[in-house]
Protein backbone atom coordinates (compact mmCIF):
# COMPACT_ATOMS: atom_id res chain seq x y z
CA MET A 1 172.04 64.40 119.37
CA LYS A 2 172.89 67.73 121.03
CA ILE A 3 176.28 69.44 120.94
CA TYR A 4 176.98 72.49 123.10
CA LEU A 5 179.66 75.11 122.43
CA SER A 6 180.40 77.57 125.22
CA PHE A 7 182.88 80.29 124.22
CA PRO A 8 184.02 83.15 126.48
CA GLY A 9 182.76 86.66 125.88
CA ARG A 10 179.52 85.53 124.20
CA LYS A 11 175.89 86.31 124.93
CA TYR A 12 174.78 82.73 124.31
CA ASP A 13 176.02 79.17 124.12
CA PHE A 14 175.47 77.37 120.86
CA CYS A 15 173.29 74.27 120.82
CA ILE A 16 173.58 72.16 117.67
CA THR A 17 170.79 69.61 117.38
CA SER A 18 170.44 66.76 114.91
CA LEU A 19 167.62 64.21 114.87
CA ASN A 20 170.01 61.64 113.42
CA GLN A 21 173.43 60.80 114.76
CA MET A 22 176.25 62.75 113.10
CA PRO A 23 179.39 61.52 114.87
CA GLU A 24 181.60 63.21 112.26
CA LEU A 25 180.22 66.62 113.28
CA ALA A 26 180.65 65.96 117.00
CA ASP A 27 184.20 64.68 116.48
CA LEU A 28 185.14 67.64 114.28
CA LEU A 29 183.79 70.23 116.73
CA LYS A 30 185.79 68.64 119.55
CA ILE A 31 188.96 68.87 117.45
CA LEU A 32 188.30 72.45 116.36
CA TYR A 33 187.09 73.91 119.67
CA GLY A 34 188.58 71.67 122.36
CA GLU A 35 187.48 72.50 125.89
CA TYR A 36 184.72 74.81 124.62
CA CYS A 37 182.79 71.81 123.33
CA VAL A 38 180.91 71.03 126.55
CA GLU A 39 178.32 68.57 127.86
CA THR A 40 176.36 71.14 129.87
CA PRO A 41 175.63 74.70 128.65
CA LYS A 42 176.39 77.71 130.87
CA ARG A 43 174.17 80.37 129.27
CA ALA A 44 170.96 80.77 127.33
CA LEU A 45 171.06 78.83 124.07
CA TRP A 46 171.34 79.96 120.44
CA GLU A 47 170.15 76.94 118.51
CA ILE A 48 171.13 75.42 115.19
CA GLU A 49 169.00 72.47 114.09
CA ILE A 50 169.93 69.96 111.40
CA LYS A 51 167.09 67.91 109.90
CA ASP A 52 167.67 65.00 107.55
CA LYS A 53 165.32 65.36 104.57
CA GLY A 54 165.68 61.63 103.89
CA ARG A 55 166.76 61.87 100.27
CA ASN A 56 170.04 62.27 98.45
CA GLN A 57 171.90 63.26 101.61
CA ALA A 58 169.98 66.56 101.78
CA PHE A 59 169.46 68.41 105.07
CA ASP A 60 167.52 71.39 106.33
CA ILE A 61 169.47 73.73 108.59
CA ILE A 62 167.38 75.95 110.84
CA TYR A 63 168.74 78.81 112.95
CA ASP A 64 167.69 82.31 114.08
CA ASP A 65 164.31 82.03 112.29
CA LYS A 66 166.10 81.11 109.06
CA LYS A 67 166.02 77.86 107.09
CA PHE A 68 167.95 76.56 104.10
CA MET A 69 168.72 73.24 102.44
CA SER A 70 172.26 71.88 102.53
CA ASP A 71 174.13 68.88 101.22
CA THR A 72 177.21 69.85 103.29
CA PRO A 73 175.75 70.33 106.79
CA VAL A 74 179.08 70.17 108.62
CA GLN A 75 180.62 72.95 106.52
CA ASP A 76 177.47 75.08 106.74
CA VAL A 77 177.24 74.79 110.53
CA LEU A 78 180.85 76.04 110.78
CA LYS A 79 179.97 79.00 108.53
CA ILE A 80 177.06 79.90 110.81
CA LEU A 81 179.27 79.74 113.90
CA PHE A 82 181.71 82.12 112.22
CA LYS A 83 179.07 84.51 110.92
CA TYR A 84 177.14 84.83 114.19
CA PRO A 85 179.65 85.06 117.07
CA ASN A 86 177.08 86.72 119.40
CA ILE A 87 179.63 88.82 121.27
CA GLU A 88 178.60 90.28 124.66
CA PRO A 89 177.65 94.00 124.57
CA GLY A 90 180.50 94.85 126.97
CA VAL A 91 183.15 93.15 124.83
CA ILE A 92 185.00 94.19 121.67
CA ALA A 93 186.11 91.37 119.36
CA LEU A 94 189.16 92.22 117.24
CA HIS A 95 190.60 90.24 114.34
CA GLY A 96 193.95 89.24 115.79
CA ALA A 97 196.01 86.96 117.98
CA ALA A 98 197.30 87.45 121.52
CA VAL A 99 200.00 86.01 123.76
CA GLU A 100 201.03 86.59 127.37
CA HIS A 101 204.37 87.96 128.59
CA CYS A 102 205.08 89.00 132.19
CA GLY A 103 201.40 88.86 133.10
CA LYS A 104 200.25 91.14 130.27
CA ALA A 105 198.51 90.50 126.97
CA HIS A 106 200.27 91.42 123.73
CA VAL A 107 197.79 91.79 120.89
CA PHE A 108 198.69 91.36 117.20
CA LEU A 109 196.18 92.76 114.71
CA ALA A 110 196.14 91.90 111.01
CA ALA A 111 193.86 90.74 108.23
CA THR A 112 193.19 87.06 107.55
CA LYS A 113 195.90 84.94 105.89
CA THR A 114 198.68 87.15 107.23
CA GLY A 115 200.32 84.62 109.56
CA LYS A 116 198.73 85.45 112.92
CA SER A 117 198.30 81.79 113.87
CA THR A 118 201.84 80.98 112.78
CA LEU A 119 203.20 83.91 114.79
CA ALA A 120 201.21 82.91 117.89
CA SER A 121 202.52 79.35 117.50
CA TYR A 122 206.11 80.58 117.27
CA LEU A 123 205.81 82.92 120.26
CA THR A 124 204.24 80.25 122.46
CA SER A 125 207.02 77.84 121.41
CA GLN A 126 209.41 80.39 122.96
CA GLY A 127 207.60 80.22 126.29
CA LEU A 128 204.96 82.94 125.99
CA GLY A 129 201.43 82.12 127.13
CA TYR A 130 198.70 81.37 124.60
CA ILE A 131 195.62 83.63 124.73
CA SER A 132 194.01 83.46 121.28
CA GLU A 133 194.90 82.96 117.63
CA ASP A 134 192.18 84.61 115.55
CA CYS A 135 189.78 86.61 117.73
CA VAL A 136 190.93 88.89 120.57
CA LEU A 137 188.22 89.68 123.14
CA ILE A 138 188.62 92.92 125.12
CA ARG A 139 186.35 94.03 127.93
CA LYS A 140 185.43 97.67 127.33
CA LYS A 141 185.11 98.78 130.95
CA GLU A 142 188.06 96.89 132.45
CA ARG A 143 190.15 97.07 129.23
CA CYS A 144 191.51 93.60 129.75
CA VAL A 145 191.83 90.65 127.37
CA ILE A 146 189.64 87.58 127.82
CA PRO A 147 191.45 84.32 126.96
CA CYS A 148 189.85 82.26 124.19
CA THR A 149 192.23 79.34 123.98
CA ILE A 150 190.63 77.28 121.25
CA PRO A 151 193.10 74.94 119.50
CA VAL A 152 195.31 76.66 116.94
CA HIS A 153 194.25 76.21 113.30
CA LEU A 154 197.27 76.32 110.98
CA ARG A 155 197.24 76.34 107.21
CA GLU A 156 199.76 74.18 105.38
CA GLY A 157 202.05 77.18 104.79
CA GLY A 158 202.16 78.03 108.47
CA LYS A 159 202.94 74.45 109.43
CA LYS A 160 205.74 74.40 106.87
CA VAL A 161 207.29 77.57 108.35
CA LEU A 162 207.26 76.03 111.82
CA ASP A 163 208.63 72.71 110.51
CA GLU A 164 211.56 74.55 108.92
CA LEU A 165 212.30 76.18 112.28
CA GLY A 166 212.26 72.77 113.97
CA ILE A 167 209.05 73.53 115.88
CA GLN A 168 206.90 70.41 116.06
CA TYR A 169 203.41 69.90 117.47
CA GLU A 170 201.05 66.94 117.57
CA TYR A 171 198.55 67.88 114.89
CA SER A 172 195.12 66.67 113.92
CA CYS A 173 194.64 67.24 110.20
CA VAL A 174 191.16 68.22 109.00
CA HIS A 175 189.86 69.17 105.56
CA LEU A 176 187.75 72.36 105.62
CA ALA A 177 186.44 74.19 102.55
CA ASN A 178 189.01 72.51 100.29
CA VAL A 179 191.85 73.55 102.62
CA GLU A 180 193.88 71.33 104.90
CA ARG A 181 194.04 72.64 108.46
CA TYR A 182 196.50 71.42 111.08
CA ILE A 183 195.03 71.65 114.57
CA TYR A 184 196.89 71.47 117.85
CA CYS A 185 196.38 72.65 121.42
CA PRO A 186 199.18 74.75 122.99
CA GLU A 187 200.37 73.55 126.37
CA LYS A 188 200.78 76.94 128.10
CA ARG A 189 197.24 78.29 127.91
CA VAL A 190 196.27 81.43 129.81
CA ALA A 191 193.23 81.02 132.06
CA ASP A 192 192.79 84.49 133.59
CA GLU A 193 191.86 87.82 132.05
CA LEU A 194 194.92 90.05 131.63
CA PRO A 195 195.71 93.76 131.29
CA ILE A 196 197.02 94.84 127.89
CA GLY A 197 200.78 95.25 127.56
CA ALA A 198 200.84 96.49 123.96
CA VAL A 199 199.02 96.32 120.65
CA TYR A 200 200.78 95.74 117.32
CA PHE A 201 199.65 96.17 113.72
CA ILE A 202 201.73 93.50 111.99
CA THR A 203 202.85 93.23 108.37
CA ARG A 204 205.14 90.60 106.93
CA ASN A 205 208.10 91.97 104.97
CA ASN A 206 210.71 89.93 103.12
CA LEU A 207 213.42 92.59 103.41
CA ARG A 208 213.53 94.04 106.91
CA ASN A 209 212.39 94.09 110.50
CA GLU A 210 211.10 97.31 112.00
CA VAL A 211 209.01 98.37 114.97
CA ARG A 212 207.90 101.94 115.60
CA ARG A 213 205.36 103.57 117.84
CA CYS A 214 202.17 104.30 115.93
CA ASP A 215 200.66 107.77 115.76
CA LYS A 216 197.53 107.91 117.96
CA ALA A 217 195.25 109.38 115.32
CA ALA A 218 196.39 106.89 112.66
CA SER A 219 196.15 103.96 115.06
CA PHE A 220 192.60 104.98 116.11
CA GLU A 221 191.54 104.88 112.45
CA LYS A 222 193.08 101.43 112.07
CA LEU A 223 191.39 100.18 115.24
CA LEU A 224 188.02 101.21 113.85
CA GLN A 225 188.62 98.67 111.06
CA ALA A 226 189.80 95.86 113.37
CA PRO A 227 186.57 94.47 114.95
CA ILE A 228 185.21 91.24 113.49
CA THR A 229 181.62 92.30 114.22
CA VAL A 230 179.67 95.54 114.01
CA HIS A 231 179.74 97.41 117.33
CA GLN A 232 177.66 100.29 118.56
CA VAL A 233 179.94 103.31 118.36
CA ASP A 234 179.16 104.92 121.70
CA GLY A 235 181.27 106.73 124.26
CA GLU A 236 182.49 103.57 125.98
CA TYR A 237 183.52 102.01 122.67
CA ILE A 238 185.46 105.13 121.63
CA ARG A 239 187.14 105.44 125.04
CA THR A 240 188.26 101.81 124.83
CA LEU A 241 189.81 102.26 121.40
CA LEU A 242 191.51 105.48 122.52
CA ALA A 243 192.96 103.63 125.52
CA LEU A 244 194.44 101.03 123.15
CA THR A 245 196.33 103.79 121.29
CA GLU A 246 198.43 104.54 124.39
CA ASN A 247 200.87 101.72 123.69
CA ILE A 248 200.50 100.70 120.06
CA TYR A 249 203.06 99.89 117.39
CA ASP A 250 203.45 99.31 113.67
CA VAL A 251 205.60 96.24 113.06
CA MET A 252 207.11 94.94 109.83
CA TYR A 253 208.91 91.65 110.18
CA LYS A 254 210.76 89.13 108.09
CA ASP A 255 211.49 86.77 110.99
CA MET A 256 209.40 85.98 114.03
CA GLU A 257 212.36 86.01 116.42
CA TYR A 258 212.40 89.79 115.92
CA ILE A 259 208.83 90.09 117.22
CA TYR A 260 209.66 87.87 120.19
CA ARG A 261 212.54 90.19 121.12
CA ALA A 262 210.32 93.26 120.58
CA VAL A 263 207.70 91.93 123.00
CA CYS A 264 210.32 91.19 125.61
CA ASN A 265 211.91 94.63 125.24
CA ILE A 266 208.61 96.52 125.35
CA ASP A 267 207.72 94.77 128.61
CA GLY A 268 211.16 95.70 129.90
């Protein structure tokens, strides 16, 4: 069995090989990655091999000249995919979400478990285009955002917030690392690369809503902490981050409607 994953902005496609049939892995990857789970690869392959050791449900997992034994091969393959994104040299990968408004990408940067997926789900429910929910890919030279429209992965808390707002999606529920995830595919998915409208550092706040333009020096320091992978800090990388500081904001929010209005107002 061979499973291919072809994500945008990557140096390689992933090829996951198993000598025995593992339909649960194939089915899960299709739920998690949607259209990026493909039958035919588009690039050179980065291979992950799963070998059944034939005893006590033990497996060897082999990748990148490494090998280890696993009794949870599905979970461990997902960890490898996360740990080794293999981003193209000309692309910066930032930990954030992005939506489209008026033909421009609006990028929301924050740490994990801060509601980025929930916010992206809310904004797309209001008619904005879906670009990405966890990893924002920016071309250094062109300074545009590459869509990576994998299905949205919501935690139970995020689903509850949307339920309380009357926002309903058709979810597939999967159990990953002792956490329930609710997976759905937004309808309005962006297909083309887009120029950047604005960048926002977002923080949830139970008391108030506030948006203010971020100081360039402070925002540059924050942007240096935003990539999900280690990048070579060269002139092109620095120029790209400096360009992002031209229209960048600090946002505190207690309700997501406020951010929707902010995006619309910033785009004019």
